[in-house]
Amino acid sequence: MSRMKALAANPRLALGGLLTLLLSAGAVVGSGADFTASSANPANTFSSGTMTMLNSKGGQAVLTAENMRPGDSEEGVVDIENTGSLSGDFTLSRSDLVDSDTDNPMSGKLNVTVVDCGAFDGATAPDCDGNDVKYSGTVADMDTTELGNYAAGAKHRYEFVVELDESAGNAYQGGSSSVQFDFNAA
């Protein structure tokens, strides 16, 4: 009790003791006794890939056949390469079909077969043995044909064979047909 009487008699001493107590408590609380750690992953970078192709006959006909008789055929080849950085699903379709005679459209008598000769092995072109037929029918009936998924850098050769059907009679003499073949990738 004598200590309490001494503090009551000297208020400065009481305040000094209280202040010492408060500073001690603050030092304990703010001493940084917690553990911390950090780690960063800087320079995260994102880019989009590309989907491009190279057509060995871009802007040119794959084949041209003139003065055909019923039963005559012609063939041509084209190389299609995925030059992009992404794989893609490749297709073949036809567009811009024009027949000189709309009453006897020659495109209905032109039988076309499209064969995937296979992928190149480096610079070596595949042999076209006719085993992987992608389309067989008339030019008029041709729709979108799936060619498969090409990895980036893959290159395939396609053989096109067109034949004037044996059933093309006199009504088809002097007729003509033109078509555009479109390769697409998605």
Protein backbone atom coordinates (compact mmCIF):
# COMPACT_ATOMS: atom_id res chain seq x y z
CA MET A 1 0.00 0.00 0.00
CA SER A 2 2.79 2.36 0.59
CA ARG A 3 3.54 2.29 -3.11
CA MET A 4 0.01 3.38 -3.95
CA LYS A 5 0.23 6.20 -1.45
CA ALA A 6 3.49 7.31 -2.99
CA LEU A 7 1.96 7.35 -6.48
CA ALA A 8 -1.11 9.19 -5.24
CA ALA A 9 1.07 11.76 -3.54
CA ASN A 10 3.17 12.30 -6.66
CA PRO A 11 0.99 12.29 -9.80
CA ARG A 12 4.01 12.82 -12.08
CA LEU A 13 5.50 9.61 -10.87
CA ALA A 14 2.19 7.86 -11.61
CA LEU A 15 2.03 9.31 -15.12
CA GLY A 16 5.66 8.37 -15.78
CA GLY A 17 4.98 4.78 -14.76
CA LEU A 18 1.87 4.65 -16.93
CA LEU A 19 3.77 6.07 -19.88
CA THR A 20 6.52 3.49 -19.43
CA LEU A 21 3.92 0.74 -19.38
CA LEU A 22 2.28 2.01 -22.59
CA LEU A 23 5.59 2.31 -24.44
CA SER A 24 6.53 -1.21 -23.44
CA ALA A 25 3.21 -2.55 -24.73
CA GLY A 26 3.62 -0.66 -28.04
CA ALA A 27 7.11 -2.04 -28.51
CA VAL A 28 5.84 -5.59 -28.07
CA VAL A 29 2.91 -5.10 -30.49
CA GLY A 30 4.93 -3.23 -33.16
CA SER A 31 8.11 -5.25 -32.86
CA GLY A 32 7.49 -7.14 -36.20
CA ALA A 33 7.25 -10.51 -34.59
CA ASP A 34 5.22 -11.77 -37.64
CA PHE A 35 7.01 -13.78 -40.39
CA THR A 36 6.54 -12.67 -44.02
CA ALA A 37 7.67 -13.82 -47.45
CA SER A 38 7.01 -12.75 -51.04
CA SER A 39 7.66 -14.00 -54.56
CA ALA A 40 7.03 -12.39 -57.98
CA ASN A 41 6.47 -13.66 -61.54
CA PRO A 42 7.35 -10.71 -63.77
CA ALA A 43 7.04 -10.23 -67.52
CA ASN A 44 4.11 -12.56 -68.25
CA THR A 45 3.73 -12.32 -72.03
CA PHE A 46 0.90 -13.42 -74.33
CA SER A 47 0.69 -13.57 -78.10
CA SER A 48 -1.68 -14.98 -80.69
CA GLY A 49 -0.70 -17.64 -83.21
CA THR A 50 -1.08 -17.45 -86.97
CA MET A 51 -3.10 -19.42 -89.50
CA THR A 52 -1.62 -19.05 -92.98
CA MET A 53 -1.15 -21.36 -95.95
CA LEU A 54 0.90 -21.59 -99.10
CA ASN A 55 -0.72 -22.85 -102.31
CA SER A 56 1.88 -23.92 -104.88
CA LYS A 57 -0.49 -22.76 -107.62
CA GLY A 58 -1.99 -19.75 -105.86
CA GLY A 59 -3.83 -17.62 -108.39
CA GLN A 60 -3.50 -20.30 -111.11
CA ALA A 61 -5.58 -23.24 -112.30
CA VAL A 62 -4.76 -26.66 -110.86
CA LEU A 63 -5.64 -28.14 -114.24
CA THR A 64 -6.96 -27.08 -117.62
CA ALA A 65 -8.47 -29.44 -120.18
CA GLU A 66 -9.36 -28.35 -123.70
CA ASN A 67 -11.07 -30.12 -126.61
CA MET A 68 -12.21 -33.00 -124.42
CA ARG A 69 -14.15 -35.91 -125.85
CA PRO A 70 -16.41 -38.09 -123.70
CA GLY A 71 -14.08 -40.35 -121.70
CA ASP A 72 -11.05 -37.99 -121.89
CA SER A 73 -9.36 -37.02 -118.65
CA GLU A 74 -6.71 -34.60 -117.42
CA GLU A 75 -4.83 -34.39 -114.15
CA GLY A 76 -3.00 -31.77 -112.15
CA VAL A 77 -1.36 -31.49 -108.75
CA VAL A 78 -1.17 -28.76 -106.14
CA ASP A 79 0.79 -28.57 -102.89
CA ILE A 80 -0.88 -27.02 -99.83
CA GLU A 81 1.27 -26.10 -96.82
CA ASN A 82 0.30 -24.84 -93.37
CA THR A 83 2.77 -21.96 -93.02
CA GLY A 84 1.23 -20.68 -89.79
CA SER A 85 2.22 -21.37 -86.21
CA LEU A 86 -1.06 -23.15 -85.33
CA SER A 87 -2.53 -26.44 -86.44
CA GLY A 88 -5.76 -26.17 -88.39
CA ASP A 89 -8.60 -28.07 -90.01
CA PHE A 90 -8.24 -27.78 -93.78
CA THR A 91 -11.10 -28.01 -96.28
CA LEU A 92 -11.59 -27.87 -100.04
CA SER A 93 -14.65 -26.40 -101.73
CA ARG A 94 -15.61 -24.99 -105.10
CA SER A 95 -16.91 -21.55 -106.00
CA ASP A 96 -17.53 -19.36 -109.03
CA LEU A 97 -18.95 -22.19 -111.13
CA VAL A 98 -19.81 -20.97 -114.65
CA ASP A 99 -21.26 -23.13 -117.44
CA SER A 100 -21.45 -21.74 -121.00
CA ASP A 101 -24.73 -23.61 -121.61
CA THR A 102 -27.19 -23.46 -118.72
CA ASP A 103 -29.56 -25.93 -120.44
CA ASN A 104 -26.77 -28.55 -120.71
CA PRO A 105 -24.32 -27.62 -117.95
CA MET A 106 -21.00 -29.29 -118.60
CA SER A 107 -20.15 -29.18 -114.87
CA GLY A 108 -22.75 -31.92 -114.39
CA LYS A 109 -20.79 -34.17 -116.80
CA LEU A 110 -17.30 -33.41 -115.46
CA ASN A 111 -16.31 -36.12 -112.99
CA VAL A 112 -13.58 -34.96 -110.63
CA THR A 113 -11.54 -37.02 -108.20
CA VAL A 114 -9.36 -35.34 -105.56
CA VAL A 115 -6.71 -37.54 -103.94
CA ASP A 116 -4.60 -36.60 -100.91
CA CYS A 117 -1.23 -37.98 -101.99
CA GLY A 118 0.04 -37.50 -98.45
CA ALA A 119 2.42 -35.31 -96.54
CA PHE A 120 5.85 -34.30 -97.74
CA ASP A 121 8.82 -35.89 -95.98
CA GLY A 122 11.07 -32.84 -95.78
CA ALA A 123 11.48 -31.78 -99.41
CA THR A 124 10.46 -35.18 -100.77
CA ALA A 125 7.02 -35.14 -102.39
CA PRO A 126 4.70 -38.11 -101.79
CA ASP A 127 3.66 -40.46 -104.59
CA CYS A 128 0.06 -40.11 -105.72
CA ASP A 129 -1.18 -43.68 -105.65
CA GLY A 130 -4.89 -42.82 -105.40
CA ASN A 131 -5.46 -44.45 -102.03
CA ASP A 132 -6.78 -41.47 -100.06
CA VAL A 133 -9.67 -40.15 -102.16
CA LYS A 134 -11.08 -36.99 -100.56
CA TYR A 135 -13.75 -36.28 -103.21
CA SER A 136 -15.21 -38.18 -106.13
CA GLY A 137 -18.22 -36.79 -108.00
CA THR A 138 -19.17 -34.12 -110.48
CA VAL A 139 -17.88 -30.58 -110.39
CA ALA A 140 -21.51 -29.43 -110.09
CA ASP A 141 -22.12 -31.56 -106.97
CA MET A 142 -18.89 -30.66 -105.18
CA ASP A 143 -19.44 -29.14 -101.74
CA THR A 144 -17.06 -28.60 -98.82
CA THR A 145 -14.69 -31.54 -98.40
CA GLU A 146 -12.75 -32.05 -95.18
CA LEU A 147 -9.06 -32.65 -95.79
CA GLY A 148 -7.94 -33.17 -92.18
CA ASN A 149 -5.94 -31.38 -89.52
CA TYR A 150 -2.53 -30.07 -90.57
CA ALA A 151 0.11 -29.39 -87.94
CA ALA A 152 2.10 -26.18 -88.31
CA GLY A 153 4.59 -26.72 -91.15
CA ALA A 154 2.73 -29.72 -92.66
CA LYS A 155 2.58 -29.84 -96.46
CA HIS A 156 0.34 -32.13 -98.54
CA ARG A 157 0.13 -32.82 -102.25
CA TYR A 158 -3.29 -33.17 -103.90
CA GLU A 159 -3.96 -34.74 -107.28
CA PHE A 160 -7.01 -33.58 -109.25
CA VAL A 161 -8.30 -35.75 -112.10
CA VAL A 162 -11.19 -34.52 -114.26
CA GLU A 163 -12.96 -36.67 -116.85
CA LEU A 164 -15.74 -35.78 -119.29
CA ASP A 165 -18.38 -38.42 -118.63
CA GLU A 166 -18.96 -40.98 -121.39
CA SER A 167 -22.67 -40.09 -121.34
CA ALA A 168 -22.00 -36.52 -122.54
CA GLY A 169 -23.83 -36.47 -125.90
CA ASN A 170 -24.04 -34.02 -128.76
CA ALA A 171 -25.75 -31.42 -126.57
CA TYR A 172 -22.40 -30.88 -124.77
CA GLN A 173 -20.33 -30.21 -127.93
CA GLY A 174 -18.58 -26.85 -127.76
CA GLY A 175 -19.60 -26.40 -124.12
CA SER A 176 -17.31 -25.16 -121.38
CA SER A 177 -17.24 -24.98 -117.64
CA SER A 178 -14.98 -23.13 -115.23
CA VAL A 179 -14.67 -23.41 -111.47
CA GLN A 180 -12.52 -22.11 -108.65
CA PHE A 181 -11.16 -24.56 -106.06
CA ASP A 182 -10.83 -23.00 -102.62
CA PHE A 183 -8.59 -24.35 -99.85
CA ASN A 184 -9.46 -23.04 -96.39
CA ALA A 185 -8.13 -23.53 -92.88
CA ALA A 186 -9.69 -22.83 -89.50
